[in-house]
Amino acid sequence: MAWERYDNNIYDKVVHWFDVIKEELCRSDVLPKNVYNMDETDTMLSMLSSVKVLVGKNDRQNYRGTGKKRTMVTAIECVSASGECLNPIIIWPAFTHRSNWTTYPSSGWF
């Protein structure tokens, strides 16, 4: 979390969020098969000419941050409250949007 977004009252906000979501999930028209949790994670596939160095946080030498080329991919997975899993999605790096990447492309949204 970026420090400028940090708030000393975060605990109260988290408690409030859980109160609201509990109330919504207890509604009779909200079915477990329609409630999903989505998680995403980024993975670095390559970093050319890289060296990993473990240093203490007070180390004065500049080991952190390099200008090396990295290849990152994102994996997304979704599981419903009833245990149903959607197929995972892998997002590869790209520079352009291709219309054949979407099932039902519609004009004006991208």
PDB file of N, CA and C in Angstrom:
ATOM      1  N   MET A   1       0.856  -1.175   0.000  1.00  0.00           N
ATOM      2  CA  MET A   1       0.000   0.000   0.000  1.00  0.00           C
ATOM      3  C   MET A   1       0.898   1.233   0.000  1.00  0.00           C
ATOM      4  N   ALA A   2       0.607   2.168  -0.872  1.00  0.00           N
ATOM      5  CA  ALA A   2       1.376   3.405  -0.912  1.00  0.00           C
ATOM      6  C   ALA A   2       1.162   4.167   0.396  1.00  0.00           C
ATOM      7  N   TRP A   3       2.246   4.741   0.919  1.00  0.00           N
ATOM      8  CA  TRP A   3       2.158   5.428   2.205  1.00  0.00           C
ATOM      9  C   TRP A   3       1.195   6.602   2.170  1.00  0.00           C
ATOM     10  N   GLU A   4       1.065   7.280   1.028  1.00  0.00           N
ATOM     11  CA  GLU A   4       0.145   8.423   0.978  1.00  0.00           C
ATOM     12  C   GLU A   4      -1.312   7.978   1.093  1.00  0.00           C
ATOM     13  N   ARG A   5      -1.593   6.669   0.854  1.00  0.00           N
ATOM     14  CA  ARG A   5      -2.956   6.157   0.992  1.00  0.00           C
ATOM     15  C   ARG A   5      -3.218   5.610   2.389  1.00  0.00           C
ATOM     16  N   TYR A   6      -2.182   5.473   3.184  1.00  0.00           N
ATOM     17  CA  TYR A   6      -2.336   4.897   4.516  1.00  0.00           C
ATOM     18  C   TYR A   6      -3.164   5.824   5.396  1.00  0.00           C
ATOM     19  N   ASP A   7      -4.032   5.219   6.174  1.00  0.00           N
ATOM     20  CA  ASP A   7      -4.905   5.994   7.046  1.00  0.00           C
ATOM     21  C   ASP A   7      -4.875   5.356   8.429  1.00  0.00           C
ATOM     22  N   ASN A   8      -4.730   6.160   9.459  1.00  0.00           N
ATOM     23  CA  ASN A   8      -4.697   5.631  10.823  1.00  0.00           C
ATOM     24  C   ASN A   8      -6.001   4.955  11.220  1.00  0.00           C
ATOM     25  N   ASN A   9      -7.091   5.253  10.528  1.00  0.00           N
ATOM     26  CA  ASN A   9      -8.388   4.669  10.849  1.00  0.00           C
ATOM     27  C   ASN A   9      -8.690   3.448   9.985  1.00  0.00           C
ATOM     28  N   ILE A  10      -7.680   2.783   9.462  1.00  0.00           N
ATOM     29  CA  ILE A  10      -7.896   1.654   8.562  1.00  0.00           C
ATOM     30  C   ILE A  10      -8.630   0.506   9.257  1.00  0.00           C
ATOM     31  N   TYR A  11      -8.372   0.276  10.524  1.00  0.00           N
ATOM     32  CA  TYR A  11      -9.034  -0.812  11.245  1.00  0.00           C
ATOM     33  C   TYR A  11     -10.548  -0.632  11.214  1.00  0.00           C
ATOM     34  N   ASP A  12     -11.025   0.575  11.509  1.00  0.00           N
ATOM     35  CA  ASP A  12     -12.464   0.843  11.494  1.00  0.00           C
ATOM     36  C   ASP A  12     -13.053   0.630  10.106  1.00  0.00           C
ATOM     37  N   LYS A  13     -12.316   0.987   9.074  1.00  0.00           N
ATOM     38  CA  LYS A  13     -12.804   0.806   7.705  1.00  0.00           C
ATOM     39  C   LYS A  13     -12.901  -0.674   7.344  1.00  0.00           C
ATOM     40  N   VAL A  14     -11.931  -1.463   7.776  1.00  0.00           N
ATOM     41  CA  VAL A  14     -11.960  -2.902   7.498  1.00  0.00           C
ATOM     42  C   VAL A  14     -13.123  -3.560   8.233  1.00  0.00           C
ATOM     43  N   VAL A  15     -13.327  -3.214   9.490  1.00  0.00           N
ATOM     44  CA  VAL A  15     -14.450  -3.758  10.257  1.00  0.00           C
ATOM     45  C   VAL A  15     -15.764  -3.384   9.587  1.00  0.00           C
ATOM     46  N   HIS A  16     -15.898  -2.140   9.162  1.00  0.00           N
ATOM     47  CA  HIS A  16     -17.118  -1.699   8.480  1.00  0.00           C
ATOM     48  C   HIS A  16     -17.342  -2.491   7.198  1.00  0.00           C
ATOM     49  N   TRP A  17     -16.276  -2.702   6.422  1.00  0.00           N
ATOM     50  CA  TRP A  17     -16.405  -3.456   5.167  1.00  0.00           C
ATOM     51  C   TRP A  17     -16.923  -4.861   5.445  1.00  0.00           C
ATOM     52  N   PHE A  18     -16.376  -5.541   6.461  1.00  0.00           N
ATOM     53  CA  PHE A  18     -16.833  -6.889   6.790  1.00  0.00           C
ATOM     54  C   PHE A  18     -18.277  -6.887   7.278  1.00  0.00           C
ATOM     55  N   ASP A  19     -18.692  -5.856   7.994  1.00  0.00           N
ATOM     56  CA  ASP A  19     -20.093  -5.750   8.415  1.00  0.00           C
ATOM     57  C   ASP A  19     -21.009  -5.634   7.205  1.00  0.00           C
ATOM     58  N   VAL A  20     -20.624  -4.803   6.251  1.00  0.00           N
ATOM     59  CA  VAL A  20     -21.443  -4.606   5.046  1.00  0.00           C
ATOM     60  C   VAL A  20     -21.497  -5.880   4.218  1.00  0.00           C
ATOM     61  N   ILE A  21     -20.353  -6.523   3.985  1.00  0.00           N
ATOM     62  CA  ILE A  21     -20.338  -7.718   3.142  1.00  0.00           C
ATOM     63  C   ILE A  21     -21.079  -8.869   3.812  1.00  0.00           C
ATOM     64  N   LYS A  22     -21.005  -8.967   5.139  1.00  0.00           N
ATOM     65  CA  LYS A  22     -21.747 -10.011   5.859  1.00  0.00           C
ATOM     66  C   LYS A  22     -23.242  -9.833   5.657  1.00  0.00           C
ATOM     67  N   GLU A  23     -23.700  -8.592   5.768  1.00  0.00           N
ATOM     68  CA  GLU A  23     -25.122  -8.305   5.573  1.00  0.00           C
ATOM     69  C   GLU A  23     -25.568  -8.682   4.162  1.00  0.00           C
ATOM     70  N   GLU A  24     -24.751  -8.358   3.168  1.00  0.00           N
ATOM     71  CA  GLU A  24     -25.094  -8.674   1.775  1.00  0.00           C
ATOM     72  C   GLU A  24     -25.101 -10.180   1.524  1.00  0.00           C
ATOM     73  N   LEU A  25     -24.123 -10.888   2.073  1.00  0.00           N
ATOM     74  CA  LEU A  25     -24.025 -12.328   1.836  1.00  0.00           C
ATOM     75  C   LEU A  25     -25.111 -13.119   2.560  1.00  0.00           C
ATOM     76  N   CYS A  26     -25.723 -12.537   3.583  1.00  0.00           N
ATOM     77  CA  CYS A  26     -26.799 -13.211   4.314  1.00  0.00           C
ATOM     78  C   CYS A  26     -28.155 -13.065   3.631  1.00  0.00           C
ATOM     79  N   ARG A  27     -28.228 -12.250   2.608  1.00  0.00           N
ATOM     80  CA  ARG A  27     -29.496 -12.081   1.889  1.00  0.00           C
ATOM     81  C   ARG A  27     -29.882 -13.394   1.211  1.00  0.00           C
ATOM     82  N   SER A  28     -31.174 -13.705   1.195  1.00  0.00           N
ATOM     83  CA  SER A  28     -31.638 -14.972   0.622  1.00  0.00           C
ATOM     84  C   SER A  28     -31.478 -15.033  -0.893  1.00  0.00           C
ATOM     85  N   ASP A  29     -31.402 -13.885  -1.552  1.00  0.00           N
ATOM     86  CA  ASP A  29     -31.266 -13.894  -3.012  1.00  0.00           C
ATOM     87  C   ASP A  29     -29.810 -13.928  -3.480  1.00  0.00           C
ATOM     88  N   VAL A  30     -28.862 -13.957  -2.557  1.00  0.00           N
ATOM     89  CA  VAL A  30     -27.445 -14.062  -2.910  1.00  0.00           C
ATOM     90  C   VAL A  30     -27.030 -15.516  -2.702  1.00  0.00           C
ATOM     91  N   LEU A  31     -26.819 -16.219  -3.814  1.00  0.00           N
ATOM     92  CA  LEU A  31     -26.482 -17.639  -3.763  1.00  0.00           C
ATOM     93  C   LEU A  31     -24.967 -17.837  -3.741  1.00  0.00           C
ATOM     94  N   PRO A  32     -24.478 -18.822  -2.978  1.00  0.00           N
ATOM     95  CA  PRO A  32     -23.032 -19.079  -2.926  1.00  0.00           C
ATOM     96  C   PRO A  32     -22.408 -19.307  -4.300  1.00  0.00           C
ATOM     97  N   LYS A  33     -23.161 -19.901  -5.221  1.00  0.00           N
ATOM     98  CA  LYS A  33     -22.599 -20.157  -6.556  1.00  0.00           C
ATOM     99  C   LYS A  33     -22.385 -18.862  -7.345  1.00  0.00           C
ATOM    100  N   ASN A  34     -22.979 -17.763  -6.878  1.00  0.00           N
ATOM    101  CA  ASN A  34     -22.823 -16.476  -7.556  1.00  0.00           C
ATOM    102  C   ASN A  34     -21.863 -15.527  -6.835  1.00  0.00           C
ATOM    103  N   VAL A  35     -21.241 -15.994  -5.763  1.00  0.00           N
ATOM    104  CA  VAL A  35     -20.297 -15.172  -5.005  1.00  0.00           C
ATOM    105  C   VAL A  35     -18.892 -15.703  -5.283  1.00  0.00           C
ATOM    106  N   TYR A  36     -18.057 -14.874  -5.889  1.00  0.00           N
ATOM    107  CA  TYR A  36     -16.716 -15.301  -6.289  1.00  0.00           C
ATOM    108  C   TYR A  36     -15.635 -14.489  -5.588  1.00  0.00           C
ATOM    109  N   ASN A  37     -14.527 -15.149  -5.351  1.00  0.00           N
ATOM    110  CA  ASN A  37     -13.315 -14.489  -4.892  1.00  0.00           C
ATOM    111  C   ASN A  37     -12.329 -14.535  -6.047  1.00  0.00           C
ATOM    112  N   MET A  38     -11.741 -13.395  -6.372  1.00  0.00           N
ATOM    113  CA  MET A  38     -10.757 -13.333  -7.442  1.00  0.00           C
ATOM    114  C   MET A  38      -9.414 -12.949  -6.845  1.00  0.00           C
ATOM    115  N   ASP A  39      -8.392 -13.699  -7.208  1.00  0.00           N
ATOM    116  CA  ASP A  39      -7.032 -13.389  -6.777  1.00  0.00           C
ATOM    117  C   ASP A  39      -6.155 -13.244  -8.004  1.00  0.00           C
ATOM    118  N   GLU A  40      -5.230 -12.308  -7.937  1.00  0.00           N
ATOM    119  CA  GLU A  40      -4.275 -12.141  -9.037  1.00  0.00           C
ATOM    120  C   GLU A  40      -2.883 -12.043  -8.461  1.00  0.00           C
ATOM    121  N   THR A  41      -1.941 -12.545  -9.227  1.00  0.00           N
ATOM    122  CA  THR A  41      -0.552 -12.463  -8.813  1.00  0.00           C
ATOM    123  C   THR A  41       0.321 -12.215 -10.034  1.00  0.00           C
ATOM    124  N   ASP A  42       1.363 -11.446  -9.844  1.00  0.00           N
ATOM    125  CA  ASP A  42       2.314 -11.168 -10.916  1.00  0.00           C
ATOM    126  C   ASP A  42       3.548 -12.027 -10.705  1.00  0.00           C
ATOM    127  N   THR A  43       4.104 -12.498 -11.810  1.00  0.00           N
ATOM    128  CA  THR A  43       5.313 -13.307 -11.774  1.00  0.00           C
ATOM    129  C   THR A  43       6.301 -12.770 -12.787  1.00  0.00           C
ATOM    130  N   MET A  44       7.539 -12.670 -12.379  1.00  0.00           N
ATOM    131  CA  MET A  44       8.582 -12.224 -13.293  1.00  0.00           C
ATOM    132  C   MET A  44       9.169 -13.459 -13.972  1.00  0.00           C
ATOM    133  N   LEU A  45       9.029 -13.521 -15.305  1.00  0.00           N
ATOM    134  CA  LEU A  45       9.566 -14.656 -16.044  1.00  0.00           C
ATOM    135  C   LEU A  45      11.046 -14.510 -16.311  1.00  0.00           C
ATOM    136  N   SER A  46      11.470 -13.302 -16.603  1.00  0.00           N
ATOM    137  CA  SER A  46      12.886 -13.121 -16.899  1.00  0.00           C
ATOM    138  C   SER A  46      13.313 -11.713 -16.542  1.00  0.00           C
ATOM    139  N   MET A  47      14.561 -11.612 -16.202  1.00  0.00           N
ATOM    140  CA  MET A  47      15.182 -10.315 -16.012  1.00  0.00           C
ATOM    141  C   MET A  47      16.607 -10.489 -16.513  1.00  0.00           C
ATOM    142  N   LEU A  48      16.868  -9.969 -17.688  1.00  0.00           N
ATOM    143  CA  LEU A  48      18.155 -10.168 -18.326  1.00  0.00           C
ATOM    144  C   LEU A  48      19.284  -9.585 -17.495  1.00  0.00           C
ATOM    145  N   SER A  49      20.382 -10.302 -17.436  1.00  0.00           N
ATOM    146  CA  SER A  49      21.588  -9.867 -16.713  1.00  0.00           C
ATOM    147  C   SER A  49      21.290  -9.528 -15.257  1.00  0.00           C
ATOM    148  N   SER A  50      20.473 -10.329 -14.614  1.00  0.00           N
ATOM    149  CA  SER A  50      20.099 -10.002 -13.236  1.00  0.00           C
ATOM    150  C   SER A  50      20.947 -10.771 -12.236  1.00  0.00           C
ATOM    151  N   VAL A  51      21.113 -10.176 -11.089  1.00  0.00           N
ATOM    152  CA  VAL A  51      21.795 -10.802  -9.970  1.00  0.00           C
ATOM    153  C   VAL A  51      20.953 -10.521  -8.739  1.00  0.00           C
ATOM    154  N   LYS A  52      20.666 -11.544  -7.953  1.00  0.00           N
ATOM    155  CA  LYS A  52      19.905 -11.348  -6.726  1.00  0.00           C
ATOM    156  C   LYS A  52      20.876 -11.165  -5.573  1.00  0.00           C
ATOM    157  N   VAL A  53      20.635 -10.125  -4.789  1.00  0.00           N
ATOM    158  CA  VAL A  53      21.507  -9.816  -3.661  1.00  0.00           C
ATOM    159  C   VAL A  53      20.627  -9.601  -2.441  1.00  0.00           C
ATOM    160  N   LEU A  54      20.954 -10.261  -1.352  1.00  0.00           N
ATOM    161  CA  LEU A  54      20.229 -10.087  -0.099  1.00  0.00           C
ATOM    162  C   LEU A  54      21.058  -9.166   0.787  1.00  0.00           C
ATOM    163  N   VAL A  55      20.495  -7.998   1.116  1.00  0.00           N
ATOM    164  CA  VAL A  55      21.208  -7.019   1.931  1.00  0.00           C
ATOM    165  C   VAL A  55      20.286  -6.522   3.032  1.00  0.00           C
ATOM    166  N   GLY A  56      20.876  -5.984   4.062  1.00  0.00           N
ATOM    167  CA  GLY A  56      20.106  -5.392   5.143  1.00  0.00           C
ATOM    168  C   GLY A  56      19.491  -4.071   4.707  1.00  0.00           C
ATOM    169  N   LYS A  57      18.424  -3.665   5.367  1.00  0.00           N
ATOM    170  CA  LYS A  57      17.750  -2.427   4.967  1.00  0.00           C
ATOM    171  C   LYS A  57      18.603  -1.189   5.230  1.00  0.00           C
ATOM    172  N   ASN A  58      19.581  -1.291   6.109  1.00  0.00           N
ATOM    173  CA  ASN A  58      20.443  -0.151   6.402  1.00  0.00           C
ATOM    174  C   ASN A  58      21.731  -0.150   5.584  1.00  0.00           C
ATOM    175  N   ASP A  59      21.864  -1.099   4.665  1.00  0.00           N
ATOM    176  CA  ASP A  59      23.055  -1.166   3.816  1.00  0.00           C
ATOM    177  C   ASP A  59      23.080   0.070   2.914  1.00  0.00           C
ATOM    178  N   ARG A  60      24.176   0.813   2.938  1.00  0.00           N
ATOM    179  CA  ARG A  60      24.270   2.073   2.206  1.00  0.00           C
ATOM    180  C   ARG A  60      24.567   1.888   0.721  1.00  0.00           C
ATOM    181  N   GLN A  61      25.032   0.715   0.315  1.00  0.00           N
ATOM    182  CA  GLN A  61      25.339   0.515  -1.099  1.00  0.00           C
ATOM    183  C   GLN A  61      24.046   0.392  -1.888  1.00  0.00           C
ATOM    184  N   ASN A  62      24.084   0.836  -3.123  1.00  0.00           N
ATOM    185  CA  ASN A  62      22.876   0.891  -3.940  1.00  0.00           C
ATOM    186  C   ASN A  62      22.683  -0.415  -4.712  1.00  0.00           C
ATOM    187  N   TYR A  63      22.156  -1.444  -4.039  1.00  0.00           N
ATOM    188  CA  TYR A  63      21.891  -2.721  -4.695  1.00  0.00           C
ATOM    189  C   TYR A  63      20.475  -2.785  -5.249  1.00  0.00           C
ATOM    190  N   ARG A  64      19.612  -1.919  -4.801  1.00  0.00           N
ATOM    191  CA  ARG A  64      18.208  -1.983  -5.204  1.00  0.00           C
ATOM    192  C   ARG A  64      17.971  -1.191  -6.481  1.00  0.00           C
ATOM    193  N   GLY A  65      17.068  -1.688  -7.292  1.00  0.00           N
ATOM    194  CA  GLY A  65      16.670  -0.973  -8.497  1.00  0.00           C
ATOM    195  C   GLY A  65      17.674  -1.107  -9.618  1.00  0.00           C
ATOM    196  N   THR A  66      17.242  -1.675 -10.714  1.00  0.00           N
ATOM    197  CA  THR A  66      18.097  -1.807 -11.884  1.00  0.00           C
ATOM    198  C   THR A  66      17.317  -1.376 -13.106  1.00  0.00           C
ATOM    199  N   GLY A  67      18.012  -1.081 -14.161  1.00  0.00           N
ATOM    200  CA  GLY A  67      17.370  -0.697 -15.411  1.00  0.00           C
ATOM    201  C   GLY A  67      17.260  -1.859 -16.370  1.00  0.00           C
ATOM    202  N   LYS A  68      17.168  -3.064 -15.876  1.00  0.00           N
ATOM    203  CA  LYS A  68      17.147  -4.257 -16.711  1.00  0.00           C
ATOM    204  C   LYS A  68      15.748  -4.525 -17.241  1.00  0.00           C
ATOM    205  N   LYS A  69      15.699  -5.207 -18.390  1.00  0.00           N
ATOM    206  CA  LYS A  69      14.417  -5.560 -19.007  1.00  0.00           C
ATOM    207  C   LYS A  69      13.799  -6.739 -18.255  1.00  0.00           C
ATOM    208  N   ARG A  70      12.539  -6.615 -17.928  1.00  0.00           N
ATOM    209  CA  ARG A  70      11.820  -7.662 -17.207  1.00  0.00           C
ATOM    210  C   ARG A  70      10.614  -8.103 -18.016  1.00  0.00           C
ATOM    211  N   THR A  71      10.265  -9.373 -17.907  1.00  0.00           N
ATOM    212  CA  THR A  71       9.051  -9.893 -18.520  1.00  0.00           C
ATOM    213  C   THR A  71       8.135 -10.348 -17.397  1.00  0.00           C
ATOM    214  N   MET A  72       7.001  -9.669 -17.261  1.00  0.00           N
ATOM    215  CA  MET A  72       6.045  -9.989 -16.207  1.00  0.00           C
ATOM    216  C   MET A  72       4.784 -10.580 -16.817  1.00  0.00           C
ATOM    217  N   VAL A  73       4.202 -11.574 -16.152  1.00  0.00           N
ATOM    218  CA  VAL A  73       2.896 -12.101 -16.524  1.00  0.00           C
ATOM    219  C   VAL A  73       2.016 -12.057 -15.279  1.00  0.00           C
ATOM    220  N   THR A  74       0.711 -11.972 -15.498  1.00  0.00           N
ATOM    221  CA  THR A  74      -0.251 -11.939 -14.407  1.00  0.00           C
ATOM    222  C   THR A  74      -1.144 -13.161 -14.508  1.00  0.00           C
ATOM    223  N   ALA A  75      -1.352 -13.850 -13.399  1.00  0.00           N
ATOM    224  CA  ALA A  75      -2.267 -14.988 -13.339  1.00  0.00           C
ATOM    225  C   ALA A  75      -3.461 -14.587 -12.483  1.00  0.00           C
ATOM    226  N   ILE A  76      -4.663 -14.899 -12.977  1.00  0.00           N
ATOM    227  CA  ILE A  76      -5.899 -14.578 -12.259  1.00  0.00           C
ATOM    228  C   ILE A  76      -6.690 -15.867 -12.068  1.00  0.00           C
ATOM    229  N   GLU A  77      -7.179 -16.087 -10.847  1.00  0.00           N
ATOM    230  CA  GLU A  77      -8.010 -17.250 -10.584  1.00  0.00           C
ATOM    231  C   GLU A  77      -9.243 -16.820  -9.798  1.00  0.00           C
ATOM    232  N   CYS A  78     -10.364 -17.508 -10.064  1.00  0.00           N
ATOM    233  CA  CYS A  78     -11.635 -17.197  -9.407  1.00  0.00           C
ATOM    234  C   CYS A  78     -12.268 -18.483  -8.883  1.00  0.00           C
ATOM    235  N   VAL A  79     -12.746 -18.440  -7.631  1.00  0.00           N
ATOM    236  CA  VAL A  79     -13.415 -19.578  -7.014  1.00  0.00           C
ATOM    237  C   VAL A  79     -14.679 -19.054  -6.342  1.00  0.00           C
ATOM    238  N   SER A  80     -15.793 -19.775  -6.542  1.00  0.00           N
ATOM    239  CA  SER A  80     -17.049 -19.350  -5.929  1.00  0.00           C
ATOM    240  C   SER A  80     -17.134 -19.857  -4.496  1.00  0.00           C
ATOM    241  N   ALA A  81     -18.074 -19.302  -3.738  1.00  0.00           N
ATOM    242  CA  ALA A  81     -18.285 -19.725  -2.354  1.00  0.00           C
ATOM    243  C   ALA A  81     -18.779 -21.167  -2.284  1.00  0.00           C
ATOM    244  N   SER A  82     -19.330 -21.686  -3.393  1.00  0.00           N
ATOM    245  CA  SER A  82     -19.776 -23.083  -3.423  1.00  0.00           C
ATOM    246  C   SER A  82     -18.673 -24.024  -3.906  1.00  0.00           C
ATOM    247  N   GLY A  83     -17.481 -23.488  -4.202  1.00  0.00           N
ATOM    248  CA  GLY A  83     -16.351 -24.320  -4.588  1.00  0.00           C
ATOM    249  C   GLY A  83     -16.132 -24.467  -6.079  1.00  0.00           C
ATOM    250  N   GLU A  84     -16.950 -23.806  -6.887  1.00  0.00           N
ATOM    251  CA  GLU A  84     -16.770 -23.882  -8.341  1.00  0.00           C
ATOM    252  C   GLU A  84     -15.597 -22.998  -8.754  1.00  0.00           C
ATOM    253  N   CYS A  85     -14.761 -23.529  -9.652  1.00  0.00           N
ATOM    254  CA  CYS A  85     -13.587 -22.793 -10.118  1.00  0.00           C
ATOM    255  C   CYS A  85     -13.743 -22.405 -11.580  1.00  0.00           C
ATOM    256  N   LEU A  86     -13.438 -21.162 -11.893  1.00  0.00           N
ATOM    257  CA  LEU A  86     -13.367 -20.742 -13.286  1.00  0.00           C
ATOM    258  C   LEU A  86     -11.976 -21.070 -13.804  1.00  0.00           C
ATOM    259  N   ASN A  87     -11.851 -21.206 -15.121  1.00  0.00           N
ATOM    260  CA  ASN A  87     -10.534 -21.433 -15.700  1.00  0.00           C
ATOM    261  C   ASN A  87      -9.640 -20.242 -15.386  1.00  0.00           C
ATOM    262  N   PRO A  88      -8.383 -20.496 -15.039  1.00  0.00           N
ATOM    263  CA  PRO A  88      -7.479 -19.378 -14.759  1.00  0.00           C
ATOM    264  C   PRO A  88      -7.193 -18.581 -16.024  1.00  0.00           C
ATOM    265  N   ILE A  89      -6.812 -17.344 -15.836  1.00  0.00           N
ATOM    266  CA  ILE A  89      -6.459 -16.463 -16.952  1.00  0.00           C
ATOM    267  C   ILE A  89      -5.002 -16.066 -16.769  1.00  0.00           C
ATOM    268  N   ILE A  90      -4.235 -16.168 -17.832  1.00  0.00           N
ATOM    269  CA  ILE A  90      -2.850 -15.719 -17.828  1.00  0.00           C
ATOM    270  C   ILE A  90      -2.767 -14.508 -18.748  1.00  0.00           C
ATOM    271  N   ILE A  91      -2.274 -13.402 -18.235  1.00  0.00           N
ATOM    272  CA  ILE A  91      -2.158 -12.170 -19.020  1.00  0.00           C
ATOM    273  C   ILE A  91      -0.690 -11.956 -19.350  1.00  0.00           C
ATOM    274  N   TRP A  92      -0.381 -12.022 -20.633  1.00  0.00           N
ATOM    275  CA  TRP A  92       0.984 -11.830 -21.127  1.00  0.00           C
ATOM    276  C   TRP A  92       1.181 -10.375 -21.508  1.00  0.00           C
ATOM    277  N   PRO A  93       2.405  -9.890 -21.490  1.00  0.00           N
ATOM    278  CA  PRO A  93       2.652  -8.497 -21.879  1.00  0.00           C
ATOM    279  C   PRO A  93       2.331  -8.278 -23.350  1.00  0.00           C
ATOM    280  N   ALA A  94       1.776  -7.119 -23.654  1.00  0.00           N
ATOM    281  CA  ALA A  94       1.455  -6.754 -25.035  1.00  0.00           C
ATOM    282  C   ALA A  94       1.475  -5.238 -25.149  1.00  0.00           C
ATOM    283  N   PHE A  95       1.643  -4.766 -26.358  1.00  0.00           N
ATOM    284  CA  PHE A  95       1.678  -3.325 -26.595  1.00  0.00           C
ATOM    285  C   PHE A  95       0.432  -2.824 -27.299  1.00  0.00           C
ATOM    286  N   THR A  96      -0.330  -3.722 -27.918  1.00  0.00           N
ATOM    287  CA  THR A  96      -1.522  -3.305 -28.646  1.00  0.00           C
ATOM    288  C   THR A  96      -2.699  -4.182 -28.258  1.00  0.00           C
ATOM    289  N   HIS A  97      -3.894  -3.640 -28.418  1.00  0.00           N
ATOM    290  CA  HIS A  97      -5.125  -4.389 -28.192  1.00  0.00           C
ATOM    291  C   HIS A  97      -5.583  -4.938 -29.532  1.00  0.00           C
ATOM    292  N   ARG A  98      -5.865  -6.223 -29.578  1.00  0.00           N
ATOM    293  CA  ARG A  98      -6.342  -6.843 -30.811  1.00  0.00           C
ATOM    294  C   ARG A  98      -7.800  -7.219 -30.636  1.00  0.00           C
ATOM    295  N   SER A  99      -8.607  -6.927 -31.645  1.00  0.00           N
ATOM    296  CA  SER A  99     -10.041  -7.167 -31.533  1.00  0.00           C
ATOM    297  C   SER A  99     -10.358  -8.649 -31.364  1.00  0.00           C
ATOM    298  N   ASN A 100      -9.511  -9.551 -31.868  1.00  0.00           N
ATOM    299  CA  ASN A 100      -9.807 -10.973 -31.717  1.00  0.00           C
ATOM    300  C   ASN A 100      -9.479 -11.492 -30.313  1.00  0.00           C
ATOM    301  N   TRP A 101      -8.990 -10.650 -29.413  1.00  0.00           N
ATOM    302  CA  TRP A 101      -8.740 -11.050 -28.034  1.00  0.00           C
ATOM    303  C   TRP A 101     -10.029 -11.084 -27.218  1.00  0.00           C
ATOM    304  N   THR A 102     -11.063 -10.439 -27.696  1.00  0.00           N
ATOM    305  CA  THR A 102     -12.323 -10.411 -26.966  1.00  0.00           C
ATOM    306  C   THR A 102     -13.359 -11.238 -27.704  1.00  0.00           C
ATOM    307  N   THR A 103     -14.261 -11.841 -26.954  1.00  0.00           N
ATOM    308  CA  THR A 103     -15.288 -12.685 -27.553  1.00  0.00           C
ATOM    309  C   THR A 103     -16.326 -11.860 -28.288  1.00  0.00           C
ATOM    310  N   TYR A 104     -16.797 -10.814 -27.651  1.00  0.00           N
ATOM    311  CA  TYR A 104     -17.828  -9.963 -28.233  1.00  0.00           C
ATOM    312  C   TYR A 104     -17.356  -8.515 -28.224  1.00  0.00           C
ATOM    313  N   PRO A 105     -16.461  -8.158 -29.141  1.00  0.00           N
ATOM    314  CA  PRO A 105     -15.966  -6.774 -29.135  1.00  0.00           C
ATOM    315  C   PRO A 105     -17.089  -5.786 -29.433  1.00  0.00           C
ATOM    316  N   SER A 106     -17.103  -4.718 -28.699  1.00  0.00           N
ATOM    317  CA  SER A 106     -18.085  -3.663 -28.944  1.00  0.00           C
ATOM    318  C   SER A 106     -17.330  -2.350 -29.077  1.00  0.00           C
ATOM    319  N   SER A 107     -17.768  -1.537 -29.980  1.00  0.00           N
ATOM    320  CA  SER A 107     -17.065  -0.285 -30.240  1.00  0.00           C
ATOM    321  C   SER A 107     -17.274   0.706 -29.100  1.00  0.00           C
ATOM    322  N   GLY A 108     -16.268   1.535 -28.882  1.00  0.00           N
ATOM    323  CA  GLY A 108     -16.390   2.620 -27.926  1.00  0.00           C
ATOM    324  C   GLY A 108     -15.982   2.301 -26.501  1.00  0.00           C
ATOM    325  N   TRP A 109     -15.733   1.050 -26.149  1.00  0.00           N
ATOM    326  CA  TRP A 109     -15.389   0.738 -24.763  1.00  0.00           C
ATOM    327  C   TRP A 109     -13.899   0.683 -24.533  1.00  0.00           C
ATOM    328  N   PHE A 110     -13.110   0.625 -25.577  1.00  0.00           N
ATOM    329  CA  PHE A 110     -11.660   0.529 -25.384  1.00  0.00           C
ATOM    330  C   PHE A 110     -10.963   1.594 -26.170  1.00  0.00           C
TER     331      PHE A 110
END
